[in-house]
Amino acid sequence: MKSTKVQIIAKTMNIFGLNKLGLLINKIIHGNEYIRAINYHSTPKDLMDQFEKQMVYYGKNYSSVSKVDLKDLLNGKWNKDKLGLIISFDDGLESNYKYAKPILEKFNFQGWFFIPAGLVGTGNCKIKDETGSVLEKYMNWDQVKDLHTNHIIGSHTLTHQRLRNSLDKEFLRREINDSKNLLERKLNDKIDIFCWVGGERDSYSKKASDVIKENNYKYSFLTNHYPIKKNSNPMQLERTNIEADWPIYLIEFYTSFFMDRRYQKKRSEIKKLLE
């Protein structure tokens, strides 16, 4: 959950109707034809009641987005009566497969799963509670293959690395190239979607951006709050981080004009860096 300060701001804005105003401003600015991409991390069983409430909200306000839908929108075509929503999941966590996937399918949403391919099947990951107990495991290859049947798989580096400028080109190629190659070999399909790890300014670098482009990825996702629209740069598609325990008012706050505006300077800096 977000800090108490952020929750208070979001809740206060909700009481005065400002979150919904922020959503309306986005429609005024961007029209009714855009996609909001969001991303989750852990989706444990004990949060699935709230996650399902989130899905009810998404179903009322958004349409599921496939790769074809994304391509069409970027080319200026949108034939749906609602805004689009890409629901993505980072890090290849088993809870995404066991608990989030069935609820996604219940509400007819296609998930986008960004997998650090070198960590698939390696067992426990580093997410721990205050006692030190491991809360998560990585998916195994059978689970990733099953997801690939009806959902979308993308690369999230080989070993979940932030692709900082301090890393050498050989390391970057291994994280970016080898992840793609391993996913393609295991899934027997082309992988053309990449998702950067981390949202901090120093987790992006021109060197890594060049390697991503060299490896024939068609789409690349960042996490800097902005709608995807016609003519958006397919190599700089923005997402908004959401988590499974968030109340609806916090989701509305984070997907509104106000948060998009807050991240404008950071987006501009990273856009300039990566081009």
Protein backbone atom coordinates (compact mmCIF):
# COMPACT_ATOMS: atom_id res chain seq x y z
CA MET A 1 0.00 0.00 0.00
CA LYS A 2 1.12 3.56 -0.65
CA SER A 3 2.27 5.83 2.17
CA THR A 4 -0.28 7.27 4.57
CA LYS A 5 0.34 10.75 3.15
CA VAL A 6 -0.49 9.65 -0.41
CA GLN A 7 -3.58 7.78 0.79
CA ILE A 8 -4.82 10.88 2.63
CA ILE A 9 -4.31 13.05 -0.46
CA ALA A 10 -6.07 10.55 -2.71
CA LYS A 11 -8.94 10.03 -0.27
CA THR A 12 -9.43 13.78 0.23
CA MET A 13 -9.47 14.32 -3.51
CA ASN A 14 -11.98 11.50 -3.81
CA ILE A 15 -14.29 13.10 -1.24
CA PHE A 16 -14.34 16.33 -3.25
CA GLY A 17 -14.76 14.54 -6.58
CA LEU A 18 -11.32 15.56 -7.84
CA ASN A 19 -10.19 12.05 -8.80
CA LYS A 20 -13.12 11.69 -11.20
CA LEU A 21 -12.47 15.23 -12.42
CA GLY A 22 -8.89 14.17 -13.21
CA LEU A 23 -10.20 11.22 -15.23
CA LEU A 24 -12.59 13.54 -17.07
CA ILE A 25 -9.77 15.98 -17.86
CA ASN A 26 -7.85 13.11 -19.46
CA LYS A 27 -10.81 12.35 -21.70
CA ILE A 28 -11.05 16.03 -22.64
CA ILE A 29 -7.33 16.18 -23.44
CA HIS A 30 -6.88 12.78 -25.07
CA GLY A 31 -10.38 11.95 -26.30
CA ASN A 32 -12.09 8.59 -25.87
CA GLU A 33 -9.48 6.61 -27.77
CA TYR A 34 -6.51 5.80 -25.59
CA ILE A 35 -5.09 2.92 -23.60
CA ARG A 36 -4.03 3.07 -19.97
CA ALA A 37 -1.34 0.50 -19.15
CA ILE A 38 -1.03 -0.53 -15.50
CA ASN A 39 1.27 -2.99 -13.80
CA TYR A 40 1.10 -5.22 -10.76
CA HIS A 41 3.71 -7.18 -8.85
CA SER A 42 2.72 -9.72 -6.18
CA THR A 43 -0.92 -10.85 -6.21
CA PRO A 44 -1.23 -13.12 -3.15
CA LYS A 45 -4.31 -15.16 -2.37
CA ASP A 46 -5.33 -13.04 0.63
CA LEU A 47 -5.68 -9.94 -1.58
CA MET A 48 -7.86 -11.50 -4.26
CA ASP A 49 -11.13 -10.18 -2.83
CA GLN A 50 -9.83 -6.63 -3.33
CA PHE A 51 -8.27 -7.55 -6.69
CA GLU A 52 -11.67 -8.79 -7.84
CA LYS A 53 -13.24 -5.49 -6.79
CA GLN A 54 -10.62 -3.76 -8.91
CA MET A 55 -11.54 -5.99 -11.83
CA VAL A 56 -15.22 -5.07 -11.45
CA TYR A 57 -14.18 -1.41 -11.68
CA TYR A 58 -11.99 -2.08 -14.74
CA GLY A 59 -14.78 -4.01 -16.45
CA LYS A 60 -17.17 -1.08 -16.08
CA ASN A 61 -14.73 1.51 -17.39
CA TYR A 62 -12.29 -0.19 -19.76
CA SER A 63 -11.92 -2.76 -22.50
CA SER A 64 -9.30 -5.50 -22.58
CA VAL A 65 -6.39 -4.87 -24.95
CA SER A 66 -4.70 -7.44 -27.18
CA LYS A 67 -1.52 -6.93 -29.20
CA VAL A 68 -3.68 -6.34 -32.26
CA ASP A 69 -5.66 -3.69 -30.35
CA LEU A 70 -2.43 -1.95 -29.33
CA LYS A 71 -1.11 -1.98 -32.89
CA ASP A 72 -4.42 -0.65 -34.21
CA LEU A 73 -4.54 2.20 -31.70
CA LEU A 74 -0.98 3.28 -32.47
CA ASN A 75 -2.04 3.37 -36.13
CA GLY A 76 -5.12 5.45 -35.38
CA LYS A 77 -7.80 2.73 -35.24
CA TRP A 78 -10.00 2.13 -32.20
CA ASN A 79 -13.32 0.34 -32.55
CA LYS A 80 -14.23 -0.17 -28.90
CA ASP A 81 -16.81 1.78 -26.92
CA LYS A 82 -14.54 2.13 -23.86
CA LEU A 83 -11.00 3.18 -23.14
CA GLY A 84 -8.46 0.39 -23.35
CA LEU A 85 -6.67 -1.15 -20.36
CA ILE A 86 -3.47 -3.18 -20.47
CA ILE A 87 -3.20 -5.10 -17.19
CA SER A 88 0.40 -6.21 -16.86
CA PHE A 89 2.30 -8.19 -14.25
CA ASP A 90 6.02 -7.86 -13.59
CA ASP A 91 8.61 -10.35 -12.37
CA GLY A 92 7.07 -13.74 -13.28
CA LEU A 93 5.65 -14.41 -9.83
CA GLU A 94 3.71 -17.62 -9.21
CA SER A 95 0.90 -15.73 -7.46
CA ASN A 96 0.15 -13.98 -10.76
CA TYR A 97 -0.49 -17.37 -12.35
CA LYS A 98 -2.28 -19.08 -9.46
CA TYR A 99 -4.53 -16.25 -8.25
CA ALA A 100 -4.66 -13.29 -10.66
CA LYS A 101 -4.99 -15.28 -13.89
CA PRO A 102 -8.35 -16.95 -13.01
CA ILE A 103 -9.86 -13.60 -12.02
CA LEU A 104 -8.58 -11.93 -15.20
CA GLU A 105 -10.24 -14.66 -17.23
CA LYS A 106 -13.47 -14.41 -15.22
CA PHE A 107 -13.73 -10.79 -16.35
CA ASN A 108 -12.51 -11.48 -19.90
CA PHE A 109 -9.30 -9.50 -19.61
CA GLN A 110 -6.13 -10.60 -21.35
CA GLY A 111 -3.09 -10.23 -19.11
CA TRP A 112 0.35 -9.04 -20.17
CA PHE A 113 3.01 -10.96 -18.23
CA PHE A 114 6.58 -9.62 -18.26
CA ILE A 115 8.94 -12.44 -17.36
CA PRO A 116 12.60 -12.38 -16.24
CA ALA A 117 13.29 -15.55 -18.21
CA GLY A 118 16.41 -16.62 -16.35
CA LEU A 119 14.51 -16.77 -13.07
CA VAL A 120 11.70 -19.03 -14.27
CA GLY A 121 11.68 -22.27 -12.30
CA THR A 122 14.29 -21.11 -9.78
CA GLY A 123 11.94 -21.32 -6.80
CA ASN A 124 11.74 -18.69 -4.07
CA CYS A 125 12.22 -15.04 -4.92
CA LYS A 126 13.40 -12.27 -2.62
CA ILE A 127 10.04 -10.87 -1.50
CA LYS A 128 9.89 -11.44 2.27
CA ASP A 129 7.70 -10.32 5.13
CA GLU A 130 8.91 -8.77 8.39
CA THR A 131 9.74 -12.20 9.81
CA GLY A 132 11.98 -13.08 6.90
CA SER A 133 9.58 -15.70 5.54
CA VAL A 134 9.50 -16.00 1.76
CA LEU A 135 6.16 -14.89 0.37
CA GLU A 136 6.63 -15.63 -3.32
CA LYS A 137 7.99 -18.13 -5.78
CA TYR A 138 8.79 -17.64 -9.43
CA MET A 139 6.62 -19.37 -12.01
CA ASN A 140 7.88 -22.55 -13.63
CA TRP A 141 8.00 -23.08 -17.39
CA ASP A 142 4.78 -25.12 -17.47
CA GLN A 143 2.96 -22.17 -15.94
CA VAL A 144 4.52 -19.66 -18.35
CA LYS A 145 3.62 -21.91 -21.29
CA ASP A 146 0.05 -22.18 -20.05
CA LEU A 147 -0.19 -18.39 -19.75
CA HIS A 148 1.09 -18.07 -23.29
CA THR A 149 -1.98 -19.93 -24.55
CA ASN A 150 -4.43 -17.07 -23.89
CA HIS A 151 -2.33 -14.20 -22.55
CA ILE A 152 0.66 -12.13 -23.67
CA ILE A 153 4.27 -12.80 -22.66
CA GLY A 154 7.07 -10.25 -22.80
CA SER A 155 10.69 -10.01 -21.68
CA HIS A 156 11.58 -8.36 -18.36
CA THR A 157 15.36 -8.89 -18.70
CA LEU A 158 17.07 -12.19 -17.97
CA THR A 159 17.61 -11.83 -14.22
CA HIS A 160 15.50 -8.79 -13.27
CA GLN A 161 18.21 -6.17 -13.67
CA ARG A 162 17.87 -2.40 -13.75
CA LEU A 163 19.63 -1.43 -16.97
CA ARG A 164 21.72 1.43 -15.63
CA ASN A 165 24.26 3.37 -17.65
CA SER A 166 27.09 1.97 -15.50
CA LEU A 167 26.56 -1.53 -16.96
CA ASP A 168 28.71 -2.58 -19.88
CA LYS A 169 27.30 -3.48 -23.30
CA GLU A 170 28.07 -7.19 -22.92
CA PHE A 171 26.04 -7.39 -19.71
CA LEU A 172 23.18 -5.45 -21.30
CA ARG A 173 23.12 -7.74 -24.32
CA ARG A 174 22.97 -10.79 -22.07
CA GLU A 175 20.05 -9.38 -20.07
CA ILE A 176 18.13 -8.15 -23.12
CA ASN A 177 19.08 -10.65 -25.86
CA ASP A 178 19.29 -13.86 -23.86
CA SER A 179 15.93 -13.25 -22.19
CA LYS A 180 14.28 -12.91 -25.59
CA ASN A 181 16.05 -15.96 -26.97
CA LEU A 182 15.19 -18.14 -23.97
CA LEU A 183 11.52 -17.16 -24.02
CA GLU A 184 11.30 -17.79 -27.76
CA ARG A 185 12.94 -21.20 -27.42
CA LYS A 186 10.74 -22.30 -24.52
CA LEU A 187 7.47 -20.94 -25.96
CA ASN A 188 8.24 -21.70 -29.60
CA ASP A 189 7.00 -18.27 -30.55
CA LYS A 190 8.33 -14.81 -31.33
CA ILE A 191 8.79 -12.43 -28.41
CA ASP A 192 8.69 -8.78 -29.47
CA ILE A 193 7.72 -7.00 -26.22
CA PHE A 194 10.22 -5.72 -23.68
CA CYS A 195 9.56 -4.16 -20.27
CA TRP A 196 12.18 -2.19 -18.34
CA VAL A 197 12.85 -3.10 -14.71
CA GLY A 198 12.26 -0.29 -12.20
CA GLY A 199 10.88 3.18 -12.66
CA GLU A 200 13.69 5.27 -11.21
CA ARG A 201 15.49 7.70 -13.52
CA ASP A 202 18.78 5.80 -13.27
CA SER A 203 17.14 2.49 -14.19
CA TYR A 204 16.98 3.73 -17.82
CA SER A 205 19.95 4.25 -20.13
CA LYS A 206 20.66 5.07 -23.77
CA LYS A 207 23.01 2.08 -24.05
CA ALA A 208 20.24 -0.32 -23.02
CA SER A 209 17.71 1.42 -25.27
CA ASP A 210 20.01 0.89 -28.24
CA VAL A 211 20.39 -2.82 -27.42
CA ILE A 212 16.60 -3.22 -27.12
CA LYS A 213 16.14 -1.68 -30.57
CA GLU A 214 18.93 -3.81 -32.05
CA ASN A 215 17.08 -6.97 -30.98
CA ASN A 216 13.91 -6.34 -32.98
CA TYR A 217 11.55 -5.68 -30.12
CA LYS A 218 8.48 -3.91 -31.48
CA TYR A 219 7.21 -2.56 -28.16
CA SER A 220 8.94 -1.42 -25.01
CA PHE A 221 7.18 -0.47 -21.75
CA LEU A 222 8.38 2.07 -19.18
CA THR A 223 6.68 3.14 -15.95
CA ASN A 224 6.21 6.91 -15.95
CA HIS A 225 2.43 7.54 -15.95
CA TYR A 226 0.87 8.48 -19.28
CA PRO A 227 -1.85 7.20 -21.62
CA ILE A 228 -0.93 5.36 -24.81
CA LYS A 229 -2.39 7.18 -27.80
CA LYS A 230 -2.29 7.27 -31.57
CA ASN A 231 1.29 7.87 -32.69
CA SER A 232 2.78 7.16 -29.24
CA ASN A 233 6.35 5.92 -29.57
CA PRO A 234 6.02 2.09 -29.46
CA MET A 235 9.43 1.92 -27.77
CA GLN A 236 8.35 4.25 -24.98
CA LEU A 237 4.91 3.05 -23.88
CA GLU A 238 4.17 4.26 -20.38
CA ARG A 239 2.55 2.38 -17.49
CA THR A 240 1.16 3.26 -14.07
CA ASN A 241 2.02 1.08 -11.09
CA ILE A 242 -0.99 -0.32 -9.19
CA GLU A 243 -1.02 -2.99 -6.48
CA ALA A 244 -3.59 -5.62 -5.54
CA ASP A 245 -4.49 -4.11 -2.15
CA TRP A 246 -5.33 -0.63 -3.46
CA PRO A 247 -8.84 0.79 -2.95
CA ILE A 248 -10.60 2.12 -6.04
CA TYR A 249 -10.16 5.78 -5.07
CA LEU A 250 -6.37 5.29 -5.08
CA ILE A 251 -6.49 3.68 -8.53
CA GLU A 252 -8.58 6.60 -9.83
CA PHE A 253 -6.08 9.06 -8.35
CA TYR A 254 -3.11 7.32 -9.96
CA THR A 255 -4.74 7.05 -13.40
CA SER A 256 -5.94 10.66 -13.45
CA PHE A 257 -4.60 13.78 -15.13
CA PHE A 258 -3.04 14.95 -11.86
CA MET A 259 -0.58 12.05 -11.60
CA ASP A 260 0.17 12.18 -15.32
CA ARG A 261 1.02 15.85 -14.89
CA ARG A 262 3.18 15.17 -11.84
CA TYR A 263 5.42 12.83 -13.87
CA GLN A 264 5.71 15.11 -16.91
CA LYS A 265 9.22 16.36 -16.16
CA LYS A 266 10.53 12.85 -15.51
CA ARG A 267 8.96 11.56 -18.74
CA SER A 268 10.55 14.37 -20.72
CA GLU A 269 13.97 13.70 -19.21
CA ILE A 270 13.80 9.97 -19.94
CA LYS A 271 12.44 10.50 -23.44
CA LYS A 272 15.39 12.75 -24.23
CA LEU A 273 17.79 10.24 -22.67
CA LEU A 274 16.55 7.25 -24.68
CA GLU A 275 16.18 8.83 -28.11
